[in-house]
Protein backbone atom coordinates (compact mmCIF):
# COMPACT_ATOMS: atom_id res chain seq x y z
CA UNK A 1 0.00 0.00 0.00
CA UNK A 2 2.87 2.41 0.74
CA UNK A 3 5.53 1.31 -1.75
CA UNK A 4 3.49 -0.33 -4.57
CA UNK A 5 5.17 -3.71 -3.93
CA UNK A 6 2.41 -6.34 -3.95
CA UNK A 7 4.72 -9.15 -2.80
CA UNK A 8 6.86 -7.81 0.08
CA UNK A 9 6.23 -5.42 2.96
CA UNK A 10 9.21 -3.11 2.91
CA UNK A 11 10.16 -0.42 5.41
CA UNK A 12 8.90 2.96 4.23
CA UNK A 13 9.28 6.61 5.10
CA UNK A 14 11.91 8.48 7.07
CA UNK A 15 11.48 6.31 10.17
CA UNK A 16 11.43 3.08 8.13
CA UNK A 17 8.15 1.61 9.38
CA UNK A 18 7.02 -1.72 7.99
CA UNK A 19 3.33 -1.57 7.02
CA UNK A 20 2.21 -3.92 9.81
CA UNK A 21 3.86 -1.68 12.44
CA UNK A 22 2.46 1.43 10.77
CA UNK A 23 -1.04 -0.08 11.00
CA UNK A 24 -0.59 -0.34 14.77
CA UNK A 25 1.39 2.83 15.59
CA UNK A 26 0.73 5.21 12.69
CA UNK A 27 -0.77 8.55 13.63
CA UNK A 28 -1.77 11.82 12.01
CA UNK A 29 0.86 13.90 13.75
CA UNK A 30 0.34 17.10 11.75
CA UNK A 31 -3.47 17.13 11.83
CA UNK A 32 -4.03 17.01 8.08
CA UNK A 33 -6.42 14.06 8.35
CA UNK A 34 -3.96 11.54 6.86
CA UNK A 35 -1.73 8.96 8.60
CA UNK A 36 1.24 8.97 6.21
CA UNK A 37 4.45 7.03 6.96
CA UNK A 38 6.24 9.22 4.39
CA UNK A 39 5.38 12.41 6.29
CA UNK A 40 8.17 13.16 8.79
CA UNK A 41 5.81 14.66 11.37
CA UNK A 42 3.44 11.68 11.28
CA UNK A 43 6.41 9.29 11.30
CA UNK A 44 8.09 10.89 14.32
CA UNK A 45 4.85 10.88 16.30
CA UNK A 46 4.36 7.20 15.39
CA UNK A 47 7.93 6.37 16.44
CA UNK A 48 7.33 8.02 19.82
CA UNK A 49 4.09 6.06 20.18
CA UNK A 50 5.96 2.86 19.33
CA UNK A 51 9.05 3.42 21.49
CA UNK A 52 7.45 5.31 24.38
CA UNK A 53 4.02 3.71 24.97
CA UNK A 54 3.93 5.04 28.55
CA UNK A 55 4.97 8.51 27.41
CA UNK A 56 8.55 8.19 28.60
CA UNK A 57 11.51 5.88 28.17
CA UNK A 58 13.50 4.71 31.16
CA UNK A 59 15.36 1.93 29.37
CA UNK A 60 16.62 3.05 25.94
CA UNK A 61 17.95 -0.37 25.00
CA UNK A 62 14.65 -2.08 25.83
CA UNK A 63 12.77 0.51 23.78
CA UNK A 64 15.05 0.00 20.80
CA UNK A 65 14.83 -3.78 21.15
CA UNK A 66 11.02 -3.53 21.07
CA UNK A 67 11.38 -1.79 17.71
CA UNK A 68 13.96 -4.16 16.22
CA UNK A 69 14.74 -7.41 18.05
CA UNK A 70 18.38 -7.43 17.04
CA UNK A 71 21.12 -6.90 19.62
CA UNK A 72 23.43 -5.69 16.82
CA UNK A 73 20.84 -3.07 15.80
CA UNK A 74 20.44 -1.87 19.39
CA UNK A 75 24.22 -1.63 19.82
CA UNK A 76 24.59 0.32 16.56
CA UNK A 77 21.84 2.81 17.42
CA UNK A 78 23.26 3.25 20.94
CA UNK A 79 26.67 3.91 19.42
CA UNK A 80 25.20 6.52 17.05
CA UNK A 81 23.46 8.15 20.03
CA UNK A 82 26.75 8.28 21.96
CA UNK A 83 28.46 9.84 18.93
CA UNK A 84 25.67 12.42 18.61
CA UNK A 85 25.81 13.30 22.32
CA UNK A 86 29.59 13.78 22.08
CA UNK A 87 29.01 16.58 19.57
CA UNK A 88 27.38 18.62 22.32
CA UNK A 89 24.24 19.16 20.28
C-alpha atoms as a PDB file:
ATOM      1  CA  UNK A   1       0.000   0.000   0.000  1.00  0.00           C
ATOM      2  CA  UNK A   2       2.870   2.405   0.736  1.00  0.00           C
ATOM      3  CA  UNK A   3       5.532   1.310  -1.745  1.00  0.00           C
ATOM      4  CA  UNK A   4       3.492  -0.326  -4.566  1.00  0.00           C
ATOM      5  CA  UNK A   5       5.169  -3.706  -3.928  1.00  0.00           C
ATOM      6  CA  UNK A   6       2.410  -6.338  -3.955  1.00  0.00           C
ATOM      7  CA  UNK A   7       4.724  -9.150  -2.803  1.00  0.00           C
ATOM      8  CA  UNK A   8       6.856  -7.815   0.080  1.00  0.00           C
ATOM      9  CA  UNK A   9       6.232  -5.421   2.957  1.00  0.00           C
ATOM     10  CA  UNK A  10       9.214  -3.108   2.913  1.00  0.00           C
ATOM     11  CA  UNK A  11      10.157  -0.420   5.407  1.00  0.00           C
ATOM     12  CA  UNK A  12       8.901   2.962   4.229  1.00  0.00           C
ATOM     13  CA  UNK A  13       9.277   6.608   5.098  1.00  0.00           C
ATOM     14  CA  UNK A  14      11.905   8.482   7.068  1.00  0.00           C
ATOM     15  CA  UNK A  15      11.477   6.308  10.169  1.00  0.00           C
ATOM     16  CA  UNK A  16      11.426   3.077   8.125  1.00  0.00           C
ATOM     17  CA  UNK A  17       8.148   1.609   9.381  1.00  0.00           C
ATOM     18  CA  UNK A  18       7.024  -1.719   7.987  1.00  0.00           C
ATOM     19  CA  UNK A  19       3.334  -1.573   7.025  1.00  0.00           C
ATOM     20  CA  UNK A  20       2.206  -3.917   9.811  1.00  0.00           C
ATOM     21  CA  UNK A  21       3.857  -1.676  12.435  1.00  0.00           C
ATOM     22  CA  UNK A  22       2.458   1.434  10.768  1.00  0.00           C
ATOM     23  CA  UNK A  23      -1.039  -0.084  10.996  1.00  0.00           C
ATOM     24  CA  UNK A  24      -0.591  -0.339  14.768  1.00  0.00           C
ATOM     25  CA  UNK A  25       1.387   2.827  15.588  1.00  0.00           C
ATOM     26  CA  UNK A  26       0.727   5.207  12.689  1.00  0.00           C
ATOM     27  CA  UNK A  27      -0.772   8.551  13.630  1.00  0.00           C
ATOM     28  CA  UNK A  28      -1.770  11.819  12.013  1.00  0.00           C
ATOM     29  CA  UNK A  29       0.864  13.904  13.750  1.00  0.00           C
ATOM     30  CA  UNK A  30       0.343  17.098  11.748  1.00  0.00           C
ATOM     31  CA  UNK A  31      -3.472  17.132  11.833  1.00  0.00           C
ATOM     32  CA  UNK A  32      -4.029  17.006   8.076  1.00  0.00           C
ATOM     33  CA  UNK A  33      -6.417  14.060   8.351  1.00  0.00           C
ATOM     34  CA  UNK A  34      -3.958  11.536   6.855  1.00  0.00           C
ATOM     35  CA  UNK A  35      -1.729   8.962   8.597  1.00  0.00           C
ATOM     36  CA  UNK A  36       1.240   8.969   6.214  1.00  0.00           C
ATOM     37  CA  UNK A  37       4.453   7.034   6.958  1.00  0.00           C
ATOM     38  CA  UNK A  38       6.242   9.221   4.392  1.00  0.00           C
ATOM     39  CA  UNK A  39       5.384  12.412   6.290  1.00  0.00           C
ATOM     40  CA  UNK A  40       8.168  13.156   8.785  1.00  0.00           C
ATOM     41  CA  UNK A  41       5.813  14.663  11.372  1.00  0.00           C
ATOM     42  CA  UNK A  42       3.443  11.680  11.275  1.00  0.00           C
ATOM     43  CA  UNK A  43       6.413   9.288  11.301  1.00  0.00           C
ATOM     44  CA  UNK A  44       8.092  10.885  14.320  1.00  0.00           C
ATOM     45  CA  UNK A  45       4.850  10.876  16.298  1.00  0.00           C
ATOM     46  CA  UNK A  46       4.364   7.204  15.387  1.00  0.00           C
ATOM     47  CA  UNK A  47       7.929   6.370  16.444  1.00  0.00           C
ATOM     48  CA  UNK A  48       7.332   8.021  19.819  1.00  0.00           C
ATOM     49  CA  UNK A  49       4.091   6.063  20.177  1.00  0.00           C
ATOM     50  CA  UNK A  50       5.963   2.859  19.333  1.00  0.00           C
ATOM     51  CA  UNK A  51       9.052   3.425  21.492  1.00  0.00           C
ATOM     52  CA  UNK A  52       7.445   5.311  24.381  1.00  0.00           C
ATOM     53  CA  UNK A  53       4.022   3.708  24.971  1.00  0.00           C
ATOM     54  CA  UNK A  54       3.934   5.039  28.545  1.00  0.00           C
ATOM     55  CA  UNK A  55       4.974   8.511  27.406  1.00  0.00           C
ATOM     56  CA  UNK A  56       8.548   8.194  28.596  1.00  0.00           C
ATOM     57  CA  UNK A  57      11.513   5.882  28.171  1.00  0.00           C
ATOM     58  CA  UNK A  58      13.502   4.706  31.164  1.00  0.00           C
ATOM     59  CA  UNK A  59      15.363   1.925  29.369  1.00  0.00           C
ATOM     60  CA  UNK A  60      16.618   3.045  25.944  1.00  0.00           C
ATOM     61  CA  UNK A  61      17.953  -0.373  24.998  1.00  0.00           C
ATOM     62  CA  UNK A  62      14.648  -2.083  25.833  1.00  0.00           C
ATOM     63  CA  UNK A  63      12.765   0.510  23.776  1.00  0.00           C
ATOM     64  CA  UNK A  64      15.053  -0.003  20.797  1.00  0.00           C
ATOM     65  CA  UNK A  65      14.833  -3.780  21.150  1.00  0.00           C
ATOM     66  CA  UNK A  66      11.020  -3.532  21.071  1.00  0.00           C
ATOM     67  CA  UNK A  67      11.379  -1.787  17.709  1.00  0.00           C
ATOM     68  CA  UNK A  68      13.961  -4.165  16.224  1.00  0.00           C
ATOM     69  CA  UNK A  69      14.735  -7.410  18.046  1.00  0.00           C
ATOM     70  CA  UNK A  70      18.380  -7.430  17.045  1.00  0.00           C
ATOM     71  CA  UNK A  71      21.123  -6.902  19.624  1.00  0.00           C
ATOM     72  CA  UNK A  72      23.429  -5.694  16.815  1.00  0.00           C
ATOM     73  CA  UNK A  73      20.841  -3.069  15.801  1.00  0.00           C
ATOM     74  CA  UNK A  74      20.437  -1.865  19.385  1.00  0.00           C
ATOM     75  CA  UNK A  75      24.219  -1.627  19.821  1.00  0.00           C
ATOM     76  CA  UNK A  76      24.594   0.322  16.557  1.00  0.00           C
ATOM     77  CA  UNK A  77      21.841   2.813  17.420  1.00  0.00           C
ATOM     78  CA  UNK A  78      23.260   3.249  20.944  1.00  0.00           C
ATOM     79  CA  UNK A  79      26.674   3.915  19.417  1.00  0.00           C
ATOM     80  CA  UNK A  80      25.199   6.521  17.055  1.00  0.00           C
ATOM     81  CA  UNK A  81      23.458   8.150  20.027  1.00  0.00           C
ATOM     82  CA  UNK A  82      26.745   8.284  21.955  1.00  0.00           C
ATOM     83  CA  UNK A  83      28.458   9.843  18.926  1.00  0.00           C
ATOM     84  CA  UNK A  84      25.669  12.415  18.613  1.00  0.00           C
ATOM     85  CA  UNK A  85      25.815  13.300  22.320  1.00  0.00           C
ATOM     86  CA  UNK A  86      29.590  13.776  22.079  1.00  0.00           C
ATOM     87  CA  UNK A  87      29.005  16.576  19.571  1.00  0.00           C
ATOM     88  CA  UNK A  88      27.382  18.622  22.321  1.00  0.00           C
ATOM     89  CA  UNK A  89      24.242  19.162  20.283  1.00  0.00           C
END
